[in-house]
Amino acid sequence: MPPQVGSRRNLVVSLVLTIAIAFGSLAATLSLGWGPKLGLDLAGGLSVVYKPTTYASSSDLQEVVTILTNRVNGLGVSGAQVNLQGKDVVVSVPGVKNARAVLAAVGQTAQLLFRPVLCEAGVGAKLVPLKKGQSLPSCAASYQTTATNLAVTPANNVAGYTSNSIPPDPAFTNIASTLPANDLKNQTVLLPLLGNPGVRYVLGPAQMTGHAIKKAVAQQTQAGAWVVNYTLTSSGSPLWDKVAQASFHQLLAIELDGVVQSAPLIQPGQSTFTSFAGAGEISGSFNEASAKQLALAMNFGALPVRLVALTTQTISPSLGHSALIAGLGAGLAGLALVLLYTILYYRALGLVIVLGLLVTASLLWAIISALGHTAFAPSFNLAGVTGLIVSIGITVDSYIVYFERLKDEARAGRSIRSSVDRGFKSAWRTVLAADTVSLLAAGLLYLIAVGDVRGFAFFLGLSTLMDIAITWYFTRPLVILLGRRNSSSTAALSLAAGMQARTADE
């Protein structure tokens, strides 16, 4: 059943409310200093594409996206996005001033592992990597850092204990450290110590991962050294006690992304093992920045797979600003041509299109600016600008459909008053059908696409919804009210209807 055009009072209320909401929203956002959340290509920033070094299931990749999203949000950066493109993970952080600092924090894949130290390895003048399929040799018995060889004994001295000093195993002196791609948690590896590359350790398979960590905080000790204090989860606490007890009076390495952060002796000042009660401390050659980065990585969990950066792109804000000016310039130029054509062709009714586009633009600016303060909408990038430019054509088409229906009614010999009522009823069905198709296409594209294409689909869909609302609550009441007046407005509408309409009236 076609919609009823409504009484004069309802039409006036609809028109006034729409104008008030549109320009009131625009004024509110401008007074608050809000603006669209610009994307990477407009605001500049950092974009990194990561690839898993080993097989990763869909659930693993989704966990990676969640962890990296939490990590970039934890940096206090707004508008950052983490998306999947096939098996690759794309991290986009727009508007950052210090891209290197963000890359250092985001780039840590946070594969935190707790490994037993089998022996120490020196560093030769020339390091040779292992051949494909070749494994590390076993530590010689006399160089193994076992409890027997170390002979740790609690003592009343500064260190709180005494122990044997075991030299590095010479069998590993000329073997290169394990590559990141081969740093697997179930394999024996050879890794350097953080801040001291001249010290390396041969480590056994991991006995615990960073998933056991509940919270980590970077703090300074009374001596001024930076450490990371952490608490364990309810399930991680007994696991840590089990791992620590198995390595009692031995070295246990804490590895993060192929680097040994610390390799402490487990409770050297005690003669018997006692529970850690769900808390511990990572000490090493930390400064404030590295301690805080480690705490940040630990807080948001360990990734299920190791990642390697394929490409890293830094876009300067000046380049993004130039792209924004070019995009807006193209859109405004196209809009000016459309408005000029509609005014010349439809005369007085062309002014209705101009006013309608101003109302639509005001509402869109206010909505997009408000969404920029949420995590719901994608960043406003060049693809979004393209979506809005395309939507101008959709919006103008709605006006043209209505006005052409008016001309058809006028050519059929009906009065202006009758034409605006009947014309809208038939035009509304066409506008609604066309906008529904556009909205379905935008929705489908948003669901199946990734990256910038989703931004195009989102803003195209938003503009299409706006067109439906403006057509019903603004264009309909304005044109009908003009057509019902027995004044110069009626004469203007008659002129807009065209020569054929006047011939039919005669």
Protein backbone atom coordinates (compact mmCIF):
# COMPACT_ATOMS: atom_id res chain seq x y z
CA MET A 1 0.00 0.00 0.00
CA PRO A 2 1.53 3.38 -1.00
CA PRO A 3 2.39 5.75 1.82
CA GLN A 4 0.15 8.69 2.65
CA VAL A 5 1.66 12.09 2.15
CA GLY A 6 0.24 13.43 5.43
CA SER A 7 -1.38 16.62 6.67
CA ARG A 8 0.14 20.07 6.38
CA ARG A 9 0.98 20.14 10.08
CA ASN A 10 2.82 16.83 9.93
CA LEU A 11 4.69 17.95 6.84
CA VAL A 12 5.83 21.17 8.50
CA VAL A 13 6.92 19.35 11.67
CA SER A 14 8.88 16.78 9.64
CA LEU A 15 10.62 19.49 7.62
CA VAL A 16 11.51 21.70 10.57
CA LEU A 17 12.74 18.81 12.73
CA THR A 18 14.94 17.46 9.95
CA ILE A 19 16.56 20.85 9.35
CA ALA A 20 16.99 21.44 13.09
CA ILE A 21 18.55 18.03 13.70
CA ALA A 22 20.89 18.33 10.71
CA PHE A 23 22.29 21.78 11.40
CA GLY A 24 22.07 21.37 15.18
CA SER A 25 24.18 18.20 14.99
CA LEU A 26 26.69 19.94 12.77
CA ALA A 27 26.96 22.87 15.18
CA ALA A 28 27.38 20.51 18.15
CA THR A 29 30.22 18.52 16.57
CA LEU A 30 32.00 21.68 15.44
CA SER A 31 31.73 23.22 18.91
CA LEU A 32 33.16 20.04 20.45
CA GLY A 33 36.03 20.07 17.96
CA TRP A 34 35.10 16.65 16.65
CA GLY A 35 36.04 15.50 13.20
CA PRO A 36 36.18 12.28 11.17
CA LYS A 37 38.67 9.64 12.29
CA LEU A 38 41.04 9.84 9.35
CA GLY A 39 42.57 6.67 7.97
CA LEU A 40 46.19 5.86 7.23
CA ASP A 41 46.21 7.29 3.70
CA LEU A 42 44.83 10.63 4.88
CA ALA A 43 46.39 11.13 8.32
CA GLY A 44 49.70 9.39 7.64
CA GLY A 45 51.05 6.73 9.96
CA LEU A 46 52.31 3.17 9.95
CA SER A 47 51.23 0.02 8.12
CA VAL A 48 52.81 -3.40 8.66
CA VAL A 49 51.96 -6.71 7.01
CA TYR A 50 52.87 -9.81 9.07
CA LYS A 51 53.01 -13.41 7.93
CA PRO A 52 53.00 -16.50 10.19
CA THR A 53 56.27 -18.42 10.03
CA THR A 54 54.45 -21.72 10.57
CA TYR A 55 51.00 -23.12 9.85
CA ALA A 56 48.25 -21.13 11.56
CA SER A 57 44.62 -22.18 11.82
CA SER A 58 41.74 -19.74 11.47
CA SER A 59 41.26 -19.68 15.23
CA ASP A 60 44.98 -18.93 15.71
CA LEU A 61 44.77 -16.00 13.28
CA GLN A 62 41.68 -14.60 14.98
CA GLU A 63 43.51 -14.78 18.32
CA VAL A 64 46.44 -12.93 16.73
CA VAL A 65 44.07 -10.18 15.53
CA THR A 66 42.54 -9.85 18.99
CA ILE A 67 45.89 -9.67 20.78
CA LEU A 68 47.43 -7.17 18.36
CA THR A 69 44.27 -5.02 18.48
CA ASN A 70 44.48 -4.91 22.28
CA ARG A 71 48.16 -4.08 22.07
CA VAL A 72 47.85 -1.13 19.71
CA ASN A 73 44.87 0.16 21.70
CA GLY A 74 46.98 -0.19 24.83
CA LEU A 75 49.45 2.25 23.30
CA GLY A 76 46.76 4.93 23.46
CA VAL A 77 46.59 5.21 19.65
CA SER A 78 43.10 5.84 18.27
CA GLY A 79 41.87 4.56 14.93
CA ALA A 80 44.28 1.62 14.69
CA GLN A 81 43.04 -1.40 12.75
CA VAL A 82 44.17 -5.01 12.59
CA ASN A 83 42.73 -7.07 9.74
CA LEU A 84 43.28 -10.40 8.06
CA GLN A 85 44.09 -10.56 4.35
CA GLY A 86 44.14 -14.24 3.64
CA LYS A 87 46.79 -15.64 5.97
CA ASP A 88 48.50 -12.28 6.41
CA VAL A 89 47.85 -9.89 9.30
CA VAL A 90 47.72 -6.20 8.39
CA VAL A 91 48.24 -3.62 11.16
CA SER A 92 47.40 0.00 10.29
CA VAL A 93 48.07 2.74 12.83
CA PRO A 94 47.08 6.18 11.47
CA GLY A 95 48.17 9.52 12.86
CA VAL A 96 51.21 8.34 14.83
CA LYS A 97 54.07 10.79 15.31
CA ASN A 98 56.68 8.27 16.45
CA ALA A 99 56.25 5.36 14.05
CA ARG A 100 59.41 3.60 15.26
CA ALA A 101 58.20 3.40 18.85
CA VAL A 102 54.83 2.00 17.75
CA LEU A 103 56.51 -0.49 15.45
CA ALA A 104 58.80 -1.64 18.27
CA ALA A 105 55.82 -2.35 20.53
CA VAL A 106 53.48 -3.80 17.92
CA GLY A 107 56.25 -5.72 16.18
CA GLN A 108 56.97 -7.85 19.21
CA THR A 109 55.14 -11.07 18.50
CA ALA A 110 55.13 -11.73 22.25
CA GLN A 111 55.95 -15.42 22.13
CA LEU A 112 56.96 -15.66 25.76
CA LEU A 113 58.48 -19.02 26.65
CA PHE A 114 60.04 -20.47 29.78
CA ARG A 115 62.88 -22.84 28.85
CA PRO A 116 65.46 -24.76 30.90
CA VAL A 117 69.08 -23.75 30.27
CA LEU A 118 71.08 -26.79 29.15
CA CYS A 119 74.46 -25.06 28.86
CA GLU A 120 76.10 -21.77 27.97
CA ALA A 121 77.56 -21.11 24.51
CA GLY A 122 80.25 -18.61 23.54
CA VAL A 123 80.41 -16.47 20.41
CA GLY A 124 83.09 -17.19 17.80
CA ALA A 125 84.59 -14.86 15.20
CA LYS A 126 82.55 -16.48 12.43
CA LEU A 127 79.15 -18.00 13.10
CA VAL A 128 77.86 -20.64 10.70
CA PRO A 129 74.10 -21.36 10.59
CA LEU A 130 72.89 -24.93 10.78
CA LYS A 131 71.99 -26.62 7.52
CA LYS A 132 68.40 -27.43 6.76
CA GLY A 133 67.32 -30.43 8.82
CA GLN A 134 70.44 -30.29 10.99
CA SER A 135 69.87 -30.13 14.76
CA LEU A 136 72.01 -28.71 17.54
CA PRO A 137 74.52 -31.03 19.18
CA SER A 138 74.02 -32.13 22.79
CA CYS A 139 75.74 -30.25 25.59
CA ALA A 140 78.75 -32.14 26.93
CA ALA A 141 78.19 -33.50 30.45
CA SER A 142 80.89 -31.33 32.02
CA TYR A 143 79.33 -28.13 30.60
CA GLN A 144 75.70 -28.87 31.47
CA THR A 145 74.13 -26.47 33.94
CA THR A 146 72.61 -29.19 36.07
CA ALA A 147 72.04 -28.88 39.82
CA THR A 148 74.93 -31.28 40.39
CA ASN A 149 77.40 -29.31 38.27
CA LEU A 150 76.31 -25.94 39.63
CA ALA A 151 76.30 -27.14 43.24
CA VAL A 152 74.28 -24.16 44.43
CA THR A 153 74.54 -23.70 48.21
CA PRO A 154 72.81 -21.00 50.28
CA ALA A 155 75.42 -18.80 52.01
CA ASN A 156 75.64 -15.73 54.23
CA ASN A 157 77.18 -13.40 51.62
CA VAL A 158 76.07 -10.57 49.32
CA ALA A 159 74.71 -12.90 46.65
CA GLY A 160 73.06 -15.13 49.23
CA TYR A 161 74.56 -18.28 47.75
CA THR A 162 77.66 -19.89 46.26
CA SER A 163 77.89 -21.99 43.10
CA ASN A 164 80.33 -23.43 40.62
CA SER A 165 81.17 -21.41 37.51
CA ILE A 166 80.61 -23.51 34.41
CA PRO A 167 82.34 -22.27 31.23
CA PRO A 168 80.60 -22.18 27.81
CA ASP A 169 80.56 -25.39 25.80
CA PRO A 170 83.11 -24.90 22.96
CA ALA A 171 81.06 -27.15 20.67
CA PHE A 172 78.62 -24.23 20.10
CA THR A 173 81.15 -21.39 19.73
CA ASN A 174 80.93 -21.20 15.91
CA ILE A 175 77.25 -22.15 15.54
CA ALA A 176 74.94 -19.26 14.67
CA SER A 177 72.00 -18.48 16.91
CA THR A 178 68.66 -20.06 16.03
CA LEU A 179 66.74 -18.15 13.37
CA PRO A 180 63.29 -16.76 14.31
CA ALA A 181 61.60 -19.15 11.88
CA ASN A 182 63.20 -22.11 13.69
CA ASP A 183 62.58 -20.86 17.22
CA LEU A 184 59.90 -23.44 17.97
CA LYS A 185 58.75 -24.04 21.52
CA ASN A 186 59.15 -27.84 21.29
CA GLN A 187 62.72 -27.67 19.92
CA THR A 188 66.17 -27.14 21.45
CA VAL A 189 67.45 -23.68 20.48
CA LEU A 190 70.53 -21.46 20.78
CA LEU A 191 69.63 -17.86 21.73
CA PRO A 192 71.48 -14.68 22.86
CA LEU A 193 70.99 -12.84 26.14
CA LEU A 194 69.27 -9.44 26.04
CA GLY A 195 71.79 -6.60 26.30
CA ASN A 196 74.75 -8.98 26.17
CA PRO A 197 75.04 -10.66 22.73
CA GLY A 198 78.36 -12.17 23.80
CA VAL A 199 76.44 -14.53 26.09
CA ARG A 200 74.27 -17.23 24.55
CA TYR A 201 72.39 -20.18 25.98
CA VAL A 202 71.40 -23.60 24.69
CA LEU A 203 67.79 -23.98 25.78
CA GLY A 204 65.60 -27.03 25.98
CA PRO A 205 61.93 -27.26 24.87
CA ALA A 206 59.58 -24.75 26.50
CA GLN A 207 57.88 -25.90 29.68
CA MET A 208 55.48 -22.96 29.95
CA THR A 209 54.20 -20.12 27.73
CA GLY A 210 53.06 -16.56 28.32
CA HIS A 211 49.42 -17.69 28.52
CA ALA A 212 50.08 -18.38 32.21
CA ILE A 213 50.70 -14.67 32.82
CA LYS A 214 47.77 -12.68 34.24
CA LYS A 215 49.27 -9.21 34.61
CA ALA A 216 52.68 -7.62 34.20
CA VAL A 217 53.94 -4.24 35.42
CA ALA A 218 57.26 -2.49 34.70
CA GLN A 219 58.72 -1.09 37.91
CA GLN A 220 61.98 0.21 39.31
CA THR A 221 63.69 -1.47 42.21
CA GLN A 222 65.18 0.44 45.12
CA ALA A 223 68.54 0.09 43.42
CA GLY A 224 67.14 1.88 40.33
CA ALA A 225 67.06 -1.19 38.05
CA TRP A 226 64.01 -1.76 35.85
CA VAL A 227 62.24 -5.09 36.26
CA VAL A 228 58.91 -6.58 35.21
CA ASN A 229 56.79 -7.92 38.06
CA TYR A 230 54.07 -10.32 37.02
CA THR A 231 51.23 -12.32 38.52
CA LEU A 232 50.02 -15.66 37.22
CA THR A 233 46.59 -16.98 36.36
CA SER A 234 44.83 -19.51 38.56
CA SER A 235 45.91 -22.30 36.23
CA GLY A 236 49.35 -20.78 35.57
CA SER A 237 50.38 -20.55 39.22
CA PRO A 238 50.58 -24.32 39.91
CA LEU A 239 52.17 -24.85 36.48
CA TRP A 240 54.88 -22.29 37.27
CA ASP A 241 55.56 -23.94 40.62
CA LYS A 242 55.90 -27.28 38.84
CA VAL A 243 58.31 -25.84 36.24
CA ALA A 244 60.32 -23.94 38.84
CA GLN A 245 60.57 -26.98 41.11
CA ALA A 246 61.88 -29.09 38.22
CA SER A 247 64.59 -26.45 37.70
CA PHE A 248 65.31 -25.83 41.39
CA HIS A 249 68.91 -24.56 41.84
CA GLN A 250 69.25 -24.48 38.05
CA LEU A 251 68.98 -21.81 35.36
CA LEU A 252 65.57 -21.19 33.79
CA ALA A 253 65.50 -18.87 30.77
CA ILE A 254 62.65 -16.48 30.06
CA GLU A 255 62.58 -16.00 26.29
CA LEU A 256 60.66 -13.40 24.34
CA ASP A 257 60.77 -13.59 20.56
CA GLY A 258 64.12 -15.31 20.23
CA VAL A 259 65.95 -13.31 22.91
CA VAL A 260 66.63 -14.48 26.45
CA GLN A 261 65.30 -11.71 28.69
CA SER A 262 66.70 -13.29 31.84
CA ALA A 263 68.12 -16.64 32.93
CA PRO A 264 67.96 -16.63 36.73
CA LEU A 265 68.81 -19.36 39.19
CA ILE A 266 65.66 -20.69 40.80
CA GLN A 267 65.67 -19.84 44.54
CA PRO A 268 69.46 -20.06 45.04
CA GLY A 269 69.21 -18.65 48.55
CA GLN A 270 66.95 -21.45 49.76
CA SER A 271 67.88 -24.99 50.66
CA THR A 272 64.45 -26.34 49.69
CA PHE A 273 61.89 -25.28 47.11
CA THR A 274 58.89 -23.17 48.16
CA SER A 275 55.89 -22.03 46.15
CA PHE A 276 56.02 -18.68 44.34
CA ALA A 277 52.40 -18.06 45.39
CA GLY A 278 51.36 -16.88 41.93
CA ALA A 279 53.83 -14.02 41.42
CA GLY A 280 57.32 -13.51 40.02
CA GLU A 281 59.81 -11.03 38.61
CA ILE A 282 61.74 -10.79 35.34
CA SER A 283 65.05 -9.01 35.73
CA GLY A 284 67.74 -8.36 33.16
CA SER A 285 69.39 -5.56 31.18
CA PHE A 286 66.21 -3.49 30.99
CA ASN A 287 65.76 0.24 30.60
CA GLU A 288 62.42 1.97 31.11
CA ALA A 289 61.29 1.63 27.48
CA SER A 290 62.20 -2.06 27.09
CA ALA A 291 60.66 -2.98 30.46
CA LYS A 292 57.40 -1.25 29.58
CA GLN A 293 57.29 -2.84 26.12
CA LEU A 294 57.80 -6.28 27.63
CA ALA A 295 55.08 -5.65 30.22
CA LEU A 296 52.72 -4.48 27.46
CA ALA A 297 53.38 -7.58 25.38
CA MET A 298 52.88 -9.87 28.38
CA ASN A 299 49.67 -8.14 29.45
CA PHE A 300 47.95 -8.93 26.19
CA GLY A 301 49.04 -12.53 25.99
CA ALA A 302 51.38 -14.57 23.86
CA LEU A 303 50.58 -15.05 20.21
CA PRO A 304 49.80 -18.63 19.22
CA VAL A 305 52.16 -18.35 16.22
CA ARG A 306 55.31 -16.44 15.44
CA LEU A 307 55.01 -13.61 12.92
CA VAL A 308 57.52 -12.07 10.57
CA ALA A 309 57.09 -8.63 9.00
CA LEU A 310 56.73 -8.83 5.21
CA THR A 311 56.37 -5.12 4.50
CA THR A 312 56.55 -1.98 6.60
CA GLN A 313 55.21 1.28 5.20
CA THR A 314 55.42 4.69 6.84
CA ILE A 315 53.25 7.45 5.35
CA SER A 316 54.04 11.03 6.30
CA PRO A 317 51.21 13.29 7.49
CA SER A 318 52.02 15.79 4.73
CA LEU A 319 51.46 13.14 2.06
CA GLY A 320 48.18 12.13 3.70
CA HIS A 321 47.11 15.80 3.85
CA SER A 322 47.82 16.18 0.13
CA ALA A 323 45.73 13.08 -0.61
CA LEU A 324 42.88 14.46 1.52
CA ILE A 325 42.94 17.83 -0.28
CA ALA A 326 42.98 16.08 -3.67
CA GLY A 327 40.10 13.77 -2.72
CA LEU A 328 37.95 16.55 -1.31
CA GLY A 329 38.75 18.78 -4.28
CA ALA A 330 37.59 16.11 -6.72
CA GLY A 331 34.41 15.55 -4.72
CA LEU A 332 33.57 19.24 -4.46
CA ALA A 333 34.23 19.80 -8.16
CA GLY A 334 31.91 16.94 -9.08
CA LEU A 335 29.27 18.20 -6.65
CA ALA A 336 29.44 21.72 -8.11
CA LEU A 337 28.89 20.40 -11.64
CA VAL A 338 25.93 18.30 -10.51
CA LEU A 339 24.32 21.23 -8.71
CA LEU A 340 24.86 23.56 -11.68
CA TYR A 341 23.24 21.06 -14.03
CA THR A 342 20.22 20.44 -11.78
CA ILE A 343 19.60 24.18 -11.26
CA LEU A 344 19.75 24.85 -15.02
CA TYR A 345 17.52 21.89 -15.82
CA TYR A 346 15.00 22.01 -12.96
CA ARG A 347 15.15 25.75 -12.24
CA ALA A 348 13.44 26.43 -8.89
CA LEU A 349 13.37 22.77 -7.95
CA GLY A 350 17.14 22.74 -8.37
CA LEU A 351 17.31 24.86 -5.23
CA VAL A 352 15.48 22.05 -3.39
CA ILE A 353 18.32 19.71 -4.39
CA VAL A 354 20.91 22.20 -3.16
CA LEU A 355 19.21 22.57 0.21
CA GLY A 356 18.69 18.80 0.46
CA LEU A 357 22.36 18.10 -0.17
CA LEU A 358 23.33 20.64 2.49
CA VAL A 359 21.08 18.89 5.00
CA THR A 360 22.52 15.49 4.02
CA ALA A 361 26.10 16.76 4.23
CA SER A 362 25.51 18.25 7.69
CA LEU A 363 24.07 15.01 9.04
CA LEU A 364 26.80 12.89 7.49
CA TRP A 365 29.54 15.09 8.93
CA ALA A 366 28.01 14.92 12.39
CA ILE A 367 27.48 11.14 12.26
CA ILE A 368 30.94 10.35 10.85
CA SER A 369 32.58 12.65 13.40
CA ALA A 370 30.67 11.01 16.26
CA LEU A 371 31.53 7.52 15.00
CA GLY A 372 35.19 8.57 14.98
CA HIS A 373 35.04 8.50 18.79
CA THR A 374 33.90 4.85 18.80
CA ALA A 375 35.46 1.56 17.71
CA PHE A 376 32.49 0.76 15.48
CA ALA A 377 33.17 2.59 12.24
CA PRO A 378 36.25 2.08 10.07
CA SER A 379 38.65 4.97 9.62
CA PHE A 380 37.67 7.62 7.10
CA ASN A 381 40.13 7.12 4.25
CA LEU A 382 40.22 7.73 0.51
CA ALA A 383 38.00 4.70 -0.02
CA GLY A 384 35.45 6.28 2.33
CA VAL A 385 35.70 9.56 0.42
CA THR A 386 35.02 7.60 -2.77
CA GLY A 387 31.98 5.97 -1.17
CA LEU A 388 30.57 9.39 -0.25
CA ILE A 389 31.24 10.77 -3.74
CA VAL A 390 29.42 7.79 -5.29
CA SER A 391 26.54 8.37 -2.88
CA ILE A 392 26.08 11.91 -4.27
CA GLY A 393 24.90 10.31 -7.50
CA ILE A 394 22.52 8.05 -5.60
CA THR A 395 21.09 11.01 -3.67
CA VAL A 396 20.64 13.19 -6.76
CA ASP A 397 18.99 10.25 -8.55
CA SER A 398 16.31 10.22 -5.86
CA TYR A 399 15.49 13.86 -6.54
CA ILE A 400 15.47 13.29 -10.29
CA VAL A 401 13.08 10.33 -9.98
CA TYR A 402 10.66 12.45 -7.97
CA PHE A 403 10.87 15.49 -10.23
CA GLU A 404 10.46 13.43 -13.39
CA ARG A 405 7.34 11.89 -11.85
CA LEU A 406 6.05 15.42 -11.27
CA LYS A 407 6.60 16.24 -14.92
CA ASP A 408 4.79 13.05 -15.96
CA GLU A 409 1.82 13.96 -13.78
CA ALA A 410 1.79 17.53 -15.11
CA ARG A 411 1.95 16.30 -18.71
CA ALA A 412 -1.06 14.10 -17.94
CA GLY A 413 -3.06 17.29 -17.28
CA ARG A 414 -3.19 17.19 -13.48
CA SER A 415 -2.83 20.24 -11.29
CA ILE A 416 0.37 21.04 -9.42
CA ARG A 417 -1.27 20.20 -6.09
CA SER A 418 -2.36 16.79 -7.36
CA SER A 419 0.96 16.19 -9.11
CA VAL A 420 3.14 16.54 -6.01
CA ASP A 421 0.96 14.09 -4.05
CA ARG A 422 0.62 11.42 -6.72
CA GLY A 423 4.16 11.92 -8.00
CA PHE A 424 5.73 11.16 -4.64
CA LYS A 425 3.69 7.97 -4.15
CA SER A 426 5.00 6.47 -7.37
CA ALA A 427 8.51 7.93 -7.00
CA TRP A 428 8.87 6.62 -3.44
CA ARG A 429 8.56 3.01 -4.56
CA THR A 430 11.30 3.52 -7.15
CA VAL A 431 13.62 5.36 -4.75
CA LEU A 432 13.11 2.75 -2.04
CA ALA A 433 13.78 -0.13 -4.43
CA ALA A 434 16.94 1.47 -5.84
CA ASP A 435 18.30 2.38 -2.39
CA THR A 436 17.54 -1.11 -1.07
CA VAL A 437 19.61 -2.67 -3.85
CA SER A 438 22.48 -0.24 -3.13
CA LEU A 439 22.22 -0.93 0.61
CA LEU A 440 22.28 -4.70 0.12
CA ALA A 441 25.31 -4.42 -2.15
CA ALA A 442 27.13 -2.24 0.40
CA GLY A 443 26.25 -4.62 3.24
CA LEU A 444 27.43 -7.69 1.34
CA LEU A 445 30.64 -5.95 0.32
CA TYR A 446 31.28 -4.91 3.93
CA LEU A 447 30.86 -8.48 5.18
CA ILE A 448 33.11 -10.22 2.65
CA ALA A 449 35.71 -7.50 2.00
CA VAL A 450 38.73 -6.45 4.04
CA GLY A 451 40.80 -3.32 4.46
CA ASP A 452 39.94 -0.16 2.54
CA VAL A 453 37.11 -1.83 0.61
CA ARG A 454 35.18 -2.21 3.87
CA GLY A 455 35.50 1.53 4.41
CA PHE A 456 34.05 2.19 0.95
CA ALA A 457 31.14 -0.17 1.65
CA PHE A 458 30.47 1.28 5.10
CA PHE A 459 30.24 4.91 4.03
CA LEU A 460 28.30 4.03 0.88
CA GLY A 461 25.78 2.14 3.01
CA LEU A 462 25.59 5.00 5.53
CA SER A 463 24.93 7.51 2.75
CA THR A 464 22.27 5.27 1.24
CA LEU A 465 20.42 5.03 4.56
CA MET A 466 20.67 8.81 4.83
CA ASP A 467 19.16 9.19 1.36
CA ILE A 468 16.10 7.14 2.34
CA ALA A 469 15.58 9.23 5.47
CA ILE A 470 16.09 12.59 3.75
CA THR A 471 13.79 11.67 0.87
CA TRP A 472 10.93 10.87 3.26
CA TYR A 473 11.43 13.47 5.99
CA PHE A 474 12.81 16.41 3.96
CA THR A 475 12.25 16.24 0.20
CA ARG A 476 8.69 14.92 0.46
CA PRO A 477 7.33 17.57 2.85
CA LEU A 478 9.22 20.46 1.22
CA VAL A 479 8.04 19.79 -2.35
CA ILE A 480 4.49 18.94 -1.28
CA LEU A 481 4.21 22.13 0.78
CA LEU A 482 5.48 24.17 -2.17
CA GLY A 483 3.00 22.51 -4.50
CA ARG A 484 0.02 23.12 -2.22
CA ARG A 485 0.62 26.87 -1.94
CA ASN A 486 -1.38 29.17 -4.21
CA SER A 487 1.46 31.67 -4.45
CA SER A 488 4.64 32.37 -6.35
CA SER A 489 5.91 29.01 -5.12
CA THR A 490 3.27 27.34 -7.28
CA ALA A 491 4.34 29.40 -10.25
CA ALA A 492 7.96 28.43 -9.64
CA LEU A 493 6.99 24.79 -9.47
CA SER A 494 5.03 25.17 -12.71
CA LEU A 495 8.09 26.58 -14.43
CA ALA A 496 10.14 23.66 -13.13
CA ALA A 497 7.60 21.22 -14.53
CA GLY A 498 8.53 22.31 -18.03
CA MET A 499 6.93 23.51 -21.20
CA GLN A 500 5.04 20.28 -21.77
CA ALA A 501 3.22 20.66 -18.46
CA ARG A 502 2.00 24.18 -19.36
CA THR A 503 0.80 23.02 -22.77
CA ALA A 504 -1.17 20.20 -21.14
CA ASP A 505 -2.78 22.66 -18.64
CA GLU A 506 -4.01 24.86 -21.46
